[in-house]
């Protein structure tokens, strides 16, 4: 099954609370690959799977697990 990475943009975001694979992929390479979920009042924070803390970066790409 093809499960492509999707660039994160305002119009292309996973639903709040759904755990997805995320990464940062830019001119410096690929890094910070992990599973996160969007949450927070406006859905603008990314939390670890158990919701105990959020990360201090915004992924550039995501895909469904």
N, C-alpha and C. Protein backbone atom coordinates (compact mmCIF):
# COMPACT_ATOMS: atom_id res chain seq x y z
N UNK A 1 0.85 -1.19 0.00
CA UNK A 1 0.00 0.00 0.00
C UNK A 1 0.88 1.24 0.00
N UNK A 2 0.57 2.16 -0.87
CA UNK A 2 1.33 3.40 -0.99
C UNK A 2 0.85 4.39 0.07
N UNK A 3 1.75 4.85 0.89
CA UNK A 3 1.42 5.79 1.95
C UNK A 3 2.39 6.96 1.86
N UNK A 4 2.14 7.91 0.97
CA UNK A 4 3.12 8.97 0.72
C UNK A 4 3.20 10.00 1.85
N UNK A 5 4.36 10.60 1.96
CA UNK A 5 4.54 11.73 2.85
C UNK A 5 3.81 12.92 2.25
N UNK A 6 3.13 13.68 3.07
CA UNK A 6 2.41 14.86 2.61
C UNK A 6 3.03 16.09 3.24
N UNK A 7 3.30 17.11 2.44
CA UNK A 7 3.83 18.34 3.05
C UNK A 7 2.76 18.98 3.93
N UNK A 8 3.19 19.50 5.05
CA UNK A 8 2.26 20.14 5.98
C UNK A 8 2.00 21.56 5.50
N UNK A 9 0.76 21.88 5.32
CA UNK A 9 0.36 23.24 4.98
C UNK A 9 -0.96 23.52 5.69
N UNK A 10 -1.41 24.74 5.58
CA UNK A 10 -2.67 25.11 6.24
C UNK A 10 -3.82 24.24 5.76
N UNK A 11 -3.82 23.90 4.49
CA UNK A 11 -4.92 23.12 3.91
C UNK A 11 -4.68 21.62 3.94
N UNK A 12 -3.51 21.19 4.34
CA UNK A 12 -3.16 19.77 4.29
C UNK A 12 -2.63 19.35 5.65
N UNK A 13 -3.54 19.14 6.60
CA UNK A 13 -3.16 18.73 7.94
C UNK A 13 -4.01 17.54 8.37
N UNK A 14 -3.43 16.67 9.20
CA UNK A 14 -4.25 15.56 9.72
C UNK A 14 -5.28 16.09 10.71
N UNK A 15 -6.30 15.31 10.96
CA UNK A 15 -7.33 15.69 11.91
C UNK A 15 -6.73 15.79 13.31
N UNK A 16 -7.30 16.65 14.13
CA UNK A 16 -6.83 16.78 15.51
C UNK A 16 -6.99 15.46 16.24
N UNK A 17 -5.98 15.08 17.03
CA UNK A 17 -6.05 13.89 17.86
C UNK A 17 -5.68 12.60 17.17
N UNK A 18 -5.44 12.63 15.86
CA UNK A 18 -5.08 11.42 15.11
C UNK A 18 -3.56 11.27 15.11
N UNK A 19 -3.07 10.12 15.55
CA UNK A 19 -1.64 9.85 15.59
C UNK A 19 -1.14 9.58 14.17
N UNK A 20 -0.09 10.30 13.75
CA UNK A 20 0.46 10.15 12.41
C UNK A 20 1.99 10.13 12.49
N UNK A 21 2.63 9.61 11.44
CA UNK A 21 4.07 9.72 11.30
C UNK A 21 4.39 11.14 10.88
N UNK A 22 5.43 11.73 11.46
CA UNK A 22 5.84 13.09 11.10
C UNK A 22 7.35 13.12 10.91
N UNK A 23 7.80 14.17 10.23
CA UNK A 23 9.24 14.39 10.06
C UNK A 23 9.48 15.83 9.64
N UNK A 24 10.72 16.24 9.79
CA UNK A 24 11.20 17.48 9.19
C UNK A 24 12.08 17.07 8.03
N UNK A 25 11.77 17.60 6.85
CA UNK A 25 12.58 17.31 5.66
C UNK A 25 12.75 18.63 4.91
N UNK A 26 13.97 19.15 4.98
CA UNK A 26 14.26 20.43 4.34
C UNK A 26 15.65 20.41 3.75
N UNK A 27 16.20 21.57 3.47
CA UNK A 27 17.52 21.65 2.84
C UNK A 27 18.63 21.05 3.70
N UNK A 28 18.37 20.85 4.99
CA UNK A 28 19.35 20.24 5.89
C UNK A 28 19.18 18.73 6.00
N UNK A 29 18.24 18.16 5.26
CA UNK A 29 18.03 16.72 5.27
C UNK A 29 16.78 16.32 6.03
N UNK A 30 16.70 15.04 6.32
CA UNK A 30 15.54 14.46 6.99
C UNK A 30 15.89 14.20 8.46
N UNK A 31 15.02 14.61 9.37
CA UNK A 31 15.29 14.42 10.80
C UNK A 31 13.97 14.46 11.59
N UNK A 32 14.06 14.17 12.85
CA UNK A 32 12.93 14.22 13.78
C UNK A 32 11.75 13.36 13.31
N UNK A 33 12.03 12.18 12.78
CA UNK A 33 10.95 11.27 12.39
C UNK A 33 10.36 10.63 13.64
N UNK A 34 9.07 10.86 13.87
CA UNK A 34 8.40 10.31 15.04
C UNK A 34 6.89 10.35 14.84
N UNK A 35 6.17 9.72 15.73
CA UNK A 35 4.71 9.73 15.69
C UNK A 35 4.20 10.81 16.63
N UNK A 36 3.37 11.69 16.09
CA UNK A 36 2.81 12.80 16.85
C UNK A 36 1.33 12.95 16.49
N UNK A 37 0.65 13.76 17.30
CA UNK A 37 -0.73 14.11 16.98
C UNK A 37 -0.93 15.60 17.21
N UNK A 38 -1.73 16.20 16.35
CA UNK A 38 -2.06 17.62 16.45
C UNK A 38 -3.11 17.80 17.53
N UNK A 39 -2.96 18.85 18.33
CA UNK A 39 -3.95 19.14 19.35
C UNK A 39 -3.78 20.58 19.80
N UNK A 40 -4.38 20.91 20.89
CA UNK A 40 -4.34 22.29 21.37
C UNK A 40 -5.60 23.01 20.94
N UNK A 41 -5.80 24.19 21.45
CA UNK A 41 -7.02 24.95 21.19
C UNK A 41 -7.26 25.16 19.70
N UNK A 42 -6.22 25.51 18.96
CA UNK A 42 -6.35 25.75 17.53
C UNK A 42 -5.75 24.63 16.68
N UNK A 43 -5.33 23.56 17.32
CA UNK A 43 -4.71 22.46 16.59
C UNK A 43 -3.32 22.80 16.11
N UNK A 44 -2.68 23.78 16.74
CA UNK A 44 -1.38 24.22 16.27
C UNK A 44 -0.21 23.68 17.09
N UNK A 45 -0.47 22.77 18.01
CA UNK A 45 0.59 22.13 18.77
C UNK A 45 0.66 20.65 18.39
N UNK A 46 1.85 20.10 18.44
CA UNK A 46 2.08 18.68 18.12
C UNK A 46 2.51 17.96 19.39
N UNK A 47 1.74 16.93 19.78
CA UNK A 47 1.97 16.20 21.02
C UNK A 47 2.50 14.80 20.74
N UNK A 48 3.26 14.27 21.70
CA UNK A 48 3.71 12.88 21.63
C UNK A 48 2.47 11.98 21.76
N UNK A 49 2.64 10.72 21.47
CA UNK A 49 1.51 9.78 21.37
C UNK A 49 0.62 9.76 22.61
N UNK A 50 1.21 9.79 23.80
CA UNK A 50 0.38 9.70 25.02
C UNK A 50 -0.17 11.06 25.46
N UNK A 51 0.16 12.13 24.74
CA UNK A 51 -0.36 13.45 25.04
C UNK A 51 0.27 14.13 26.22
N UNK A 52 1.35 13.56 26.77
CA UNK A 52 1.95 14.10 27.99
C UNK A 52 2.76 15.38 27.77
N UNK A 53 3.23 15.61 26.54
CA UNK A 53 3.98 16.84 26.26
C UNK A 53 3.96 17.12 24.77
N UNK A 54 4.23 18.38 24.44
CA UNK A 54 4.28 18.75 23.04
C UNK A 54 5.72 19.01 22.62
N UNK A 55 5.97 18.99 21.33
CA UNK A 55 7.32 19.20 20.82
C UNK A 55 7.49 20.67 20.47
N UNK A 56 8.74 21.14 20.48
CA UNK A 56 9.04 22.54 20.23
C UNK A 56 9.41 22.80 18.78
N UNK A 57 8.77 22.09 17.87
CA UNK A 57 8.98 22.31 16.44
C UNK A 57 7.69 21.95 15.72
N UNK A 58 7.60 22.35 14.47
CA UNK A 58 6.46 21.98 13.63
C UNK A 58 6.99 21.10 12.51
N UNK A 59 6.46 19.91 12.36
CA UNK A 59 6.92 19.03 11.28
C UNK A 59 6.66 19.69 9.92
N UNK A 60 7.43 19.26 8.93
CA UNK A 60 7.21 19.75 7.57
C UNK A 60 6.39 18.76 6.76
N UNK A 61 6.38 17.47 7.17
CA UNK A 61 5.68 16.43 6.45
C UNK A 61 4.97 15.48 7.41
N UNK A 62 3.92 14.83 6.92
CA UNK A 62 3.20 13.84 7.74
C UNK A 62 2.60 12.79 6.81
N UNK A 63 2.24 11.64 7.41
CA UNK A 63 1.52 10.60 6.70
C UNK A 63 0.76 9.75 7.70
N UNK A 64 -0.34 9.13 7.22
CA UNK A 64 -1.11 8.25 8.09
C UNK A 64 -0.30 7.00 8.40
N UNK A 65 -0.51 6.44 9.58
CA UNK A 65 0.20 5.24 10.01
C UNK A 65 -0.41 4.04 9.31
